Amino acid sequence: MADSKISALPASTTPLAGTEVLPIVQGTATKQVSVANLTAGRAVSALSLTTTNGAVIQGLTVGKGANAVAGNTAVGVGALASGSLSGGYNVAVGPYALFVNAAGLNNTAIGAGSIQANTAGNSNVGIGINSLYNSTGSNNVGLGAYAGSALTTGNNNTIIGSVAGTAGLSDTVIIAAGSAERMRIDSSGVISYTGSLTVSAYTETIVSSGTVGASATLAITAGTVLTATLTSATACTFTMPTATAGKSFILLLKQPASGTATTATFTGVKFNASGAPTITATVGKMDILTFVADGTNWYGSYSQGYTP
C-alpha cells in the first residue's frame, strides 16, 4: 500500500457506527481499537456536548424533550415527552414532568410528575413531586409535594405547602404547614386564617360618608371605621349592612359645625337596656357608635360628647 497523507484519504461516512478501527500505540506495540472503545470505561472531559437526540447518562435522559423544541430543557425519563410538543422555553426536571405538555410555554416543573397533565397552559411553576399535577391553566405556582395537585382549569393561583387545592380554583393564595391549610386569600381579597394570629400593629381603613341627609346606608366593604356628618336640622335614618356573623365596625357620627343639631336612628340594631342613644344635641360634637353582628342581629354600644 502506497503511503498517503491523511488529508488525501476519502471522507468517511458519518455518523460513525462505532465498529471502525483505528491504530494506537499501546506500550511499545501498535494495536487496533474500535471507535466505540476509545473512551469506554473511562471518564471523559468535555467543554461541550451536542447530541442529535437526548443524551443518556447513567440511564438519565437529558435534552430538549420531544421534537427538540428550541429553548426547552428536559431531564428525566418522560420529561417533556409529548409527540405533539411545540411550546418552547419550558424546563422539566424529573420523571414525567410536563409529560403531556404540547403548546404550553414558559413552564417550570421540578419534581416527578410536576405539572404532568398540562397541555397548553403557560407560565406555571411547580416544585415538588406531583406539584400542579392536574393543572391545565396558566400562571399557577405550586411549591411543595402535591401542592396544587387538584387544580384543573384554574389560573393565577399560588399554593405553598402540601395542599391539593380544588378543581377550577382561580386567583387564590393558599399557605399551608405541611398538609394543613393555615391561610387563604380568595379572589375577592378576603383573608381566612386558621389558628392563633398575633398582630403587633395594624391600621383600619377609614371610610368617609361625608354629609348625610334624611337617610343613609352604612357599608363596610371598603373599611370598618366610618365617618358621617349630619345635615343641620335634618334627622337621619341609617340602614345597616347585612348582619354577617363576626362582622363589626365603628361609626364616628358628627353634628354639623353650625346650624341646628339633629338626631339619628339605626334600623335593626339592638342596644342595651338603656335603649338607643339620643345623639348629642350640640353642633360640632361627635358620638362614637360601635356595632357587632352575630349573624342575625346587629348589637350597638356608644360613647358620646366628643369634640373632634
Protein backbone atom coordinates (compact mmCIF):
# COMPACT_ATOMS: atom_id res chain seq x y z
CA MET A 1 0.00 0.00 0.00
CA ALA A 2 1.45 3.33 -1.06
CA ASP A 3 1.99 5.99 1.58
CA SER A 4 -0.77 8.61 1.63
CA LYS A 5 -1.36 11.76 3.57
CA ILE A 6 -4.37 11.67 5.89
CA SER A 7 -5.76 14.71 4.08
CA ALA A 8 -5.69 12.72 0.86
CA LEU A 9 -7.84 9.90 2.19
CA PRO A 10 -11.53 9.76 1.18
CA ALA A 11 -14.03 11.07 3.73
CA SER A 12 -15.73 8.51 5.94
CA THR A 13 -19.47 8.07 6.21
CA THR A 14 -20.84 9.73 9.31
CA PRO A 15 -22.11 9.30 11.87
CA LEU A 16 -19.64 6.53 12.66
CA ALA A 17 -21.05 3.13 13.55
CA GLY A 18 -18.52 2.60 16.30
CA THR A 19 -17.10 -0.57 14.78
CA GLU A 20 -14.49 1.23 12.72
CA VAL A 21 -10.90 0.63 13.88
CA LEU A 22 -8.01 2.98 14.45
CA PRO A 23 -4.31 2.27 15.10
CA ILE A 24 -2.95 3.18 18.50
CA VAL A 25 0.39 2.69 20.25
CA GLN A 26 -0.07 0.77 23.47
CA GLY A 27 3.15 0.29 25.37
CA THR A 28 5.68 -0.26 22.55
CA ALA A 29 3.32 -2.07 20.19
CA THR A 30 0.97 -0.71 17.57
CA LYS A 31 -2.51 -2.15 18.03
CA GLN A 32 -6.04 -1.55 16.76
CA VAL A 33 -9.05 -0.26 18.69
CA SER A 34 -12.64 0.30 17.65
CA VAL A 35 -14.05 3.81 17.74
CA ALA A 36 -16.65 2.69 20.27
CA ASN A 37 -13.93 1.58 22.67
CA LEU A 38 -11.80 4.71 22.53
CA THR A 39 -13.41 6.16 25.66
CA ALA A 40 -15.35 3.17 27.00
CA GLY A 41 -14.93 2.68 30.73
CA ARG A 42 -13.11 5.91 31.45
CA ALA A 43 -14.06 9.45 32.41
CA VAL A 44 -14.25 11.95 29.57
CA SER A 45 -13.77 15.69 29.98
CA ALA A 46 -15.57 17.92 27.51
CA LEU A 47 -16.15 21.65 27.23
CA SER A 48 -19.43 21.00 25.44
CA LEU A 49 -21.52 18.07 24.29
CA THR A 50 -24.02 18.22 21.44
CA THR A 51 -26.34 15.31 20.64
CA THR A 52 -28.88 14.92 17.90
CA ASN A 53 -31.27 13.33 20.38
CA GLY A 54 -31.49 13.28 24.16
CA ALA A 55 -28.27 12.12 25.77
CA VAL A 56 -28.42 9.25 28.25
CA ILE A 57 -26.06 9.50 31.22
CA GLN A 58 -26.20 6.53 33.58
CA GLY A 59 -29.78 5.96 32.47
CA LEU A 60 -30.78 9.63 32.88
CA THR A 61 -32.12 11.26 29.73
CA VAL A 62 -31.00 14.84 29.23
CA GLY A 63 -32.05 17.00 26.29
CA LYS A 64 -34.74 19.27 24.89
CA GLY A 65 -37.52 16.73 25.16
CA ALA A 66 -39.72 15.57 22.29
CA ASN A 67 -39.24 17.28 18.96
CA ALA A 68 -36.16 19.10 20.31
CA VAL A 69 -38.07 22.39 20.55
CA ALA A 70 -35.83 25.44 20.95
CA GLY A 71 -35.49 26.74 24.48
CA ASN A 72 -36.75 23.59 26.20
CA THR A 73 -34.79 21.68 28.84
CA ALA A 74 -35.77 18.14 29.80
CA VAL A 75 -34.04 15.98 32.41
CA GLY A 76 -35.51 12.58 33.25
CA VAL A 77 -37.49 9.84 31.60
CA GLY A 78 -40.80 11.09 30.23
CA ALA A 79 -39.95 14.76 30.80
CA LEU A 80 -41.47 16.90 28.02
CA ALA A 81 -42.20 13.68 26.17
CA SER A 82 -45.34 14.53 24.17
CA GLY A 83 -45.04 13.79 20.48
CA SER A 84 -47.18 16.91 19.93
CA LEU A 85 -44.76 19.19 21.77
CA SER A 86 -44.42 22.61 20.12
CA GLY A 87 -44.26 25.01 23.08
CA GLY A 88 -40.83 26.32 23.96
CA TYR A 89 -38.86 27.72 26.89
CA ASN A 90 -40.12 25.04 29.27
CA VAL A 91 -37.99 23.41 31.95
CA ALA A 92 -38.88 19.88 33.08
CA VAL A 93 -36.68 18.14 35.65
CA GLY A 94 -37.84 14.78 36.95
CA PRO A 95 -39.60 11.70 35.62
CA TYR A 96 -42.74 12.64 33.64
CA ALA A 97 -42.50 16.33 34.49
CA LEU A 98 -44.61 18.22 31.90
CA PHE A 99 -45.24 14.78 30.42
CA VAL A 100 -48.07 15.70 28.02
CA ASN A 101 -47.27 19.38 27.52
CA ALA A 102 -47.91 20.30 23.90
CA ALA A 103 -48.36 24.01 23.24
CA GLY A 104 -47.62 25.34 26.73
CA LEU A 105 -44.85 27.94 27.04
CA ASN A 106 -42.55 29.15 29.80
CA ASN A 107 -43.45 26.44 32.32
CA THR A 108 -41.06 25.22 35.01
CA ALA A 109 -41.66 21.78 36.50
CA ILE A 110 -39.19 20.34 39.01
CA GLY A 111 -40.10 17.02 40.55
CA ALA A 112 -41.52 13.72 39.40
CA GLY A 113 -44.94 14.25 37.82
CA SER A 114 -44.83 18.00 38.25
CA ILE A 115 -47.42 19.76 36.00
CA GLN A 116 -47.86 16.40 34.31
CA ALA A 117 -51.34 16.96 32.80
CA ASN A 118 -50.70 20.40 31.35
CA THR A 119 -51.13 20.62 27.59
CA ALA A 120 -51.43 24.31 26.72
CA GLY A 121 -51.15 26.30 29.96
CA ASN A 122 -48.38 28.89 30.19
CA SER A 123 -46.07 30.31 32.85
CA ASN A 124 -46.76 27.73 35.55
CA VAL A 125 -44.19 26.84 38.22
CA GLY A 126 -44.36 23.52 40.05
CA ILE A 127 -41.66 22.47 42.51
CA GLY A 128 -42.15 19.16 44.28
CA ILE A 129 -43.38 15.69 43.39
CA ASN A 130 -46.76 15.87 41.62
CA SER A 131 -46.99 19.62 42.20
CA LEU A 132 -49.73 21.10 39.97
CA TYR A 133 -50.17 17.54 38.69
CA ASN A 134 -53.62 18.06 37.09
CA SER A 135 -53.32 21.75 36.29
CA THR A 136 -54.11 22.83 32.73
CA GLY A 137 -54.44 26.56 33.47
CA SER A 138 -51.85 29.33 33.41
CA ASN A 139 -49.85 31.41 35.90
CA ASN A 140 -50.16 28.90 38.74
CA VAL A 141 -47.45 28.30 41.34
CA GLY A 142 -47.24 25.15 43.45
CA LEU A 143 -44.40 24.82 45.97
CA GLY A 144 -44.30 21.55 47.86
CA ALA A 145 -45.07 17.88 47.36
CA TYR A 146 -48.55 17.59 45.78
CA ALA A 147 -49.02 21.37 46.04
CA GLY A 148 -52.00 22.30 43.87
CA SER A 149 -52.31 18.75 42.58
CA ALA A 150 -56.13 19.02 42.40
CA LEU A 151 -56.16 22.26 40.40
CA THR A 152 -57.52 21.81 36.90
CA THR A 153 -58.54 24.73 34.69
CA GLY A 154 -57.95 27.49 37.24
CA ASN A 155 -55.48 30.33 36.73
CA ASN A 156 -53.37 32.69 38.85
CA ASN A 157 -53.14 30.56 41.99
CA THR A 158 -50.23 30.31 44.42
CA ILE A 159 -50.13 27.31 46.75
CA ILE A 160 -47.32 26.87 49.26
CA GLY A 161 -47.30 23.59 51.15
CA SER A 162 -48.64 20.11 50.53
CA VAL A 163 -52.29 21.00 49.93
CA ALA A 164 -54.08 19.96 46.76
CA GLY A 165 -56.45 22.90 46.25
CA THR A 166 -59.69 22.29 44.36
CA ALA A 167 -60.68 21.90 40.73
CA GLY A 168 -61.30 25.20 38.93
CA LEU A 169 -59.87 27.37 41.71
CA SER A 170 -58.58 30.76 40.45
CA ASP A 171 -56.95 33.92 41.76
CA THR A 172 -56.30 32.41 45.19
CA VAL A 173 -53.30 32.19 47.53
CA ILE A 174 -53.05 29.26 49.95
CA ILE A 175 -50.31 28.85 52.55
CA ALA A 176 -50.08 25.58 54.45
CA ALA A 177 -47.98 23.98 57.15
CA GLY A 178 -47.39 20.57 55.64
CA SER A 179 -50.83 19.40 54.52
CA ALA A 180 -52.75 21.68 56.93
CA GLU A 181 -54.04 24.89 55.36
CA ARG A 182 -53.26 27.92 57.51
CA MET A 183 -54.17 30.94 55.39
CA ARG A 184 -56.17 31.65 52.26
CA ILE A 185 -56.61 34.87 50.28
CA ASP A 186 -59.52 34.39 47.91
CA SER A 187 -60.30 36.05 44.59
CA SER A 188 -62.12 38.88 46.39
CA GLY A 189 -59.16 39.64 48.62
CA VAL A 190 -60.81 38.12 51.70
CA ILE A 191 -58.24 36.60 54.07
CA SER A 192 -59.10 33.46 56.06
CA TYR A 193 -56.71 32.24 58.75
CA THR A 194 -56.80 29.06 60.83
CA GLY A 195 -55.08 29.12 64.21
CA SER A 196 -53.98 31.89 66.56
CA LEU A 197 -52.90 35.16 64.98
CA THR A 198 -50.66 37.68 66.72
CA VAL A 199 -50.56 41.15 65.15
CA SER A 200 -48.07 43.64 66.53
CA ALA A 201 -49.74 46.65 64.90
CA TYR A 202 -52.49 47.30 62.39
CA THR A 203 -54.42 50.25 60.95
CA GLU A 204 -58.07 50.10 59.99
CA THR A 205 -59.26 51.83 56.84
CA ILE A 206 -61.42 54.91 57.46
CA VAL A 207 -64.30 55.43 55.04
CA SER A 208 -65.94 58.83 54.91
CA SER A 209 -69.64 59.07 54.08
CA GLY A 210 -69.40 62.85 54.01
CA THR A 211 -72.52 64.81 54.92
CA VAL A 212 -75.65 62.65 55.01
CA GLY A 213 -79.26 63.69 54.51
CA ALA A 214 -82.51 62.17 55.76
CA SER A 215 -81.33 58.61 55.04
CA ALA A 216 -78.03 56.81 54.51
CA THR A 217 -76.84 53.22 54.07
CA LEU A 218 -73.79 52.14 56.01
CA ALA A 219 -71.35 49.97 54.01
CA ILE A 220 -68.28 48.20 55.41
CA THR A 221 -66.90 46.64 52.24
CA ALA A 222 -64.12 49.25 51.96
CA GLY A 223 -63.34 49.78 55.63
CA THR A 224 -64.60 49.29 59.19
CA VAL A 225 -64.18 52.78 60.60
CA LEU A 226 -66.89 55.02 59.12
CA THR A 227 -67.42 58.75 59.47
CA ALA A 228 -70.58 60.72 58.75
CA THR A 229 -71.70 64.30 59.37
CA LEU A 230 -75.37 65.10 59.92
CA THR A 231 -77.13 67.86 58.00
CA SER A 232 -78.40 70.81 60.03
CA ALA A 233 -81.98 70.31 61.28
CA THR A 234 -82.33 67.03 59.30
CA ALA A 235 -82.85 63.78 61.20
CA CYS A 236 -81.14 60.82 59.53
CA THR A 237 -82.17 57.18 59.43
CA PHE A 238 -79.20 54.84 58.92
CA THR A 239 -79.70 51.46 57.22
CA MET A 240 -77.30 48.82 58.50
CA PRO A 241 -75.24 46.41 56.35
CA THR A 242 -76.02 42.68 56.35
CA ALA A 243 -75.53 41.23 59.84
CA THR A 244 -72.85 38.70 58.89
CA ALA A 245 -71.64 36.76 61.92
CA GLY A 246 -68.39 38.17 63.30
CA LYS A 247 -68.55 41.48 61.44
CA SER A 248 -68.07 44.69 63.40
CA PHE A 249 -67.45 48.36 62.72
CA ILE A 250 -67.24 51.81 64.32
CA LEU A 251 -69.18 54.92 63.28
CA LEU A 252 -67.88 58.40 64.12
CA LEU A 253 -71.08 60.45 63.88
CA LYS A 254 -70.68 64.23 63.88
CA GLN A 255 -73.17 67.05 64.28
CA PRO A 256 -72.88 69.87 61.73
CA ALA A 257 -70.30 72.52 62.53
CA SER A 258 -73.02 75.20 62.53
CA GLY A 259 -76.79 75.46 62.27
CA THR A 260 -79.14 73.23 64.25
CA ALA A 261 -78.11 69.96 65.86
CA THR A 262 -80.26 66.97 64.91
CA THR A 263 -80.86 63.27 65.64
CA ALA A 264 -80.17 59.87 64.09
CA THR A 265 -81.71 56.40 64.30
CA PHE A 266 -80.43 52.97 63.18
CA THR A 267 -82.59 50.24 61.63
CA GLY A 268 -82.46 46.75 63.10
CA VAL A 269 -79.96 47.45 65.90
CA LYS A 270 -80.35 46.14 69.42
CA PHE A 271 -78.93 48.40 72.14
CA ASN A 272 -78.62 47.73 75.89
CA ALA A 273 -81.38 48.14 78.44
CA SER A 274 -81.00 51.92 78.32
CA GLY A 275 -82.18 51.83 74.71
CA ALA A 276 -80.95 53.58 71.59
CA PRO A 277 -78.79 56.63 72.14
CA THR A 278 -80.02 60.18 71.87
CA ILE A 279 -77.39 61.75 69.66
CA THR A 280 -75.53 64.58 71.43
CA ALA A 281 -77.61 67.66 70.53
CA THR A 282 -74.76 70.17 70.25
CA VAL A 283 -73.31 71.46 66.99
CA GLY A 284 -69.72 70.45 66.43
CA LYS A 285 -69.89 67.44 68.77
CA MET A 286 -69.26 63.79 67.87
CA ASP A 287 -70.62 60.48 69.16
CA ILE A 288 -68.83 57.15 68.65
CA LEU A 289 -71.04 54.12 67.99
CA THR A 290 -69.73 50.53 67.84
CA PHE A 291 -71.64 47.67 66.20
CA VAL A 292 -71.09 43.90 66.17
CA ALA A 293 -73.16 41.19 64.44
CA ASP A 294 -73.94 37.60 65.44
CA GLY A 295 -75.33 36.54 62.07
CA THR A 296 -78.90 37.58 62.94
CA ASN A 297 -78.74 40.95 64.64
CA TRP A 298 -76.54 44.00 64.99
CA TYR A 299 -75.75 44.99 68.58
CA GLY A 300 -74.75 48.56 69.36
CA SER A 301 -72.94 50.48 72.05
CA TYR A 302 -71.94 54.13 72.21
CA SER A 303 -69.80 56.80 73.78
CA GLN A 304 -70.82 60.44 73.43
CA GLY A 305 -69.98 64.10 73.54
CA TYR A 306 -66.53 64.22 71.93
CA THR A 307 -65.11 67.34 70.35
CA PRO A 308 -63.33 66.29 67.13
